[in-house]
Amino acid sequence: MKATFTRSITERKKIYPSVLIGDPVVQAGVMSLLCMLLLLLLLLLHSASEEISI
């Protein structure tokens, strides 16, 4: 079951790259990555503002 599932995903990547963007699993991964980047940016800005205030 797993082998056929991964194979269908790789085949879809080759044929329909735009379909992967519409894939809910890919969307969830992209959203989590964006959230992580936003958190990192906020942490960097917070530490930078603390350094400036000192």
C-alpha atoms as a PDB file:
ATOM      1  CA  MET A   1       0.000   0.000   0.000  1.00  0.00           C
ATOM      2  CA  LYS A   2       2.746   2.449   0.941  1.00  0.00           C
ATOM      3  CA  ALA A   3       4.833   1.683  -2.153  1.00  0.00           C
ATOM      4  CA  THR A   4       1.932   2.345  -4.521  1.00  0.00           C
ATOM      5  CA  PHE A   5       1.034   5.515  -2.619  1.00  0.00           C
ATOM      6  CA  THR A   6       4.548   6.971  -2.869  1.00  0.00           C
ATOM      7  CA  ARG A   7       4.797   5.880  -6.490  1.00  0.00           C
ATOM      8  CA  SER A   8       1.564   7.686  -7.356  1.00  0.00           C
ATOM      9  CA  ILE A   9       2.915  10.820  -5.663  1.00  0.00           C
ATOM     10  CA  THR A  10       6.173  10.709  -7.638  1.00  0.00           C
ATOM     11  CA  GLU A  11       4.233  10.100 -10.847  1.00  0.00           C
ATOM     12  CA  ARG A  12       1.987  13.024 -10.048  1.00  0.00           C
ATOM     13  CA  LYS A  13       5.050  15.204  -9.452  1.00  0.00           C
ATOM     14  CA  LYS A  14       6.361  14.351 -12.903  1.00  0.00           C
ATOM     15  CA  ILE A  15       3.060  14.882 -14.711  1.00  0.00           C
ATOM     16  CA  TYR A  16       1.164  17.475 -12.669  1.00  0.00           C
ATOM     17  CA  PRO A  17       3.368  19.754 -10.561  1.00  0.00           C
ATOM     18  CA  SER A  18       0.439  22.159 -10.171  1.00  0.00           C
ATOM     19  CA  VAL A  19      -1.733  19.385  -8.698  1.00  0.00           C
ATOM     20  CA  LEU A  20       0.756  18.980  -5.843  1.00  0.00           C
ATOM     21  CA  ILE A  21       0.172  22.623  -4.872  1.00  0.00           C
ATOM     22  CA  GLY A  22      -3.528  21.795  -4.524  1.00  0.00           C
ATOM     23  CA  ASP A  23      -2.700  18.707  -2.446  1.00  0.00           C
ATOM     24  CA  PRO A  24      -3.904  19.293   1.151  1.00  0.00           C
ATOM     25  CA  VAL A  25      -0.863  17.489   2.567  1.00  0.00           C
ATOM     26  CA  VAL A  26       1.505  19.749   0.634  1.00  0.00           C
ATOM     27  CA  GLN A  27      -0.538  22.801   1.630  1.00  0.00           C
ATOM     28  CA  ALA A  28      -0.256  21.814   5.311  1.00  0.00           C
ATOM     29  CA  GLY A  29       3.504  21.392   4.943  1.00  0.00           C
ATOM     30  CA  VAL A  30       3.879  24.769   3.257  1.00  0.00           C
ATOM     31  CA  MET A  31       1.741  26.457   5.907  1.00  0.00           C
ATOM     32  CA  SER A  32       3.786  24.941   8.742  1.00  0.00           C
ATOM     33  CA  LEU A  33       7.003  26.056   7.031  1.00  0.00           C
ATOM     34  CA  LEU A  34       5.651  29.595   6.651  1.00  0.00           C
ATOM     35  CA  CYS A  35       4.606  29.649  10.317  1.00  0.00           C
ATOM     36  CA  MET A  36       8.099  28.533  11.360  1.00  0.00           C
ATOM     37  CA  LEU A  37       9.671  31.281   9.225  1.00  0.00           C
ATOM     38  CA  LEU A  38       7.337  33.894  10.722  1.00  0.00           C
ATOM     39  CA  LEU A  39       8.190  32.758  14.256  1.00  0.00           C
ATOM     40  CA  LEU A  40      11.912  32.944  13.478  1.00  0.00           C
ATOM     41  CA  LEU A  41      11.493  36.447  12.037  1.00  0.00           C
ATOM     42  CA  LEU A  42       9.556  37.574  15.110  1.00  0.00           C
ATOM     43  CA  LEU A  43      12.245  36.150  17.412  1.00  0.00           C
ATOM     44  CA  LEU A  44      14.971  37.904  15.419  1.00  0.00           C
ATOM     45  CA  LEU A  45      13.098  41.215  15.464  1.00  0.00           C
ATOM     46  CA  HIS A  46      12.425  40.868  19.204  1.00  0.00           C
ATOM     47  CA  SER A  47      16.076  40.202  20.025  1.00  0.00           C
ATOM     48  CA  ALA A  48      17.170  43.034  17.716  1.00  0.00           C
ATOM     49  CA  SER A  49      14.784  45.514  19.381  1.00  0.00           C
ATOM     50  CA  GLU A  50      16.056  44.449  22.828  1.00  0.00           C
ATOM     51  CA  GLU A  51      19.641  45.072  21.710  1.00  0.00           C
ATOM     52  CA  ILE A  52      18.704  48.504  20.356  1.00  0.00           C
ATOM     53  CA  SER A  53      16.899  49.496  23.585  1.00  0.00           C
ATOM     54  CA  ILE A  54      19.997  48.534  25.594  1.00  0.00           C
END
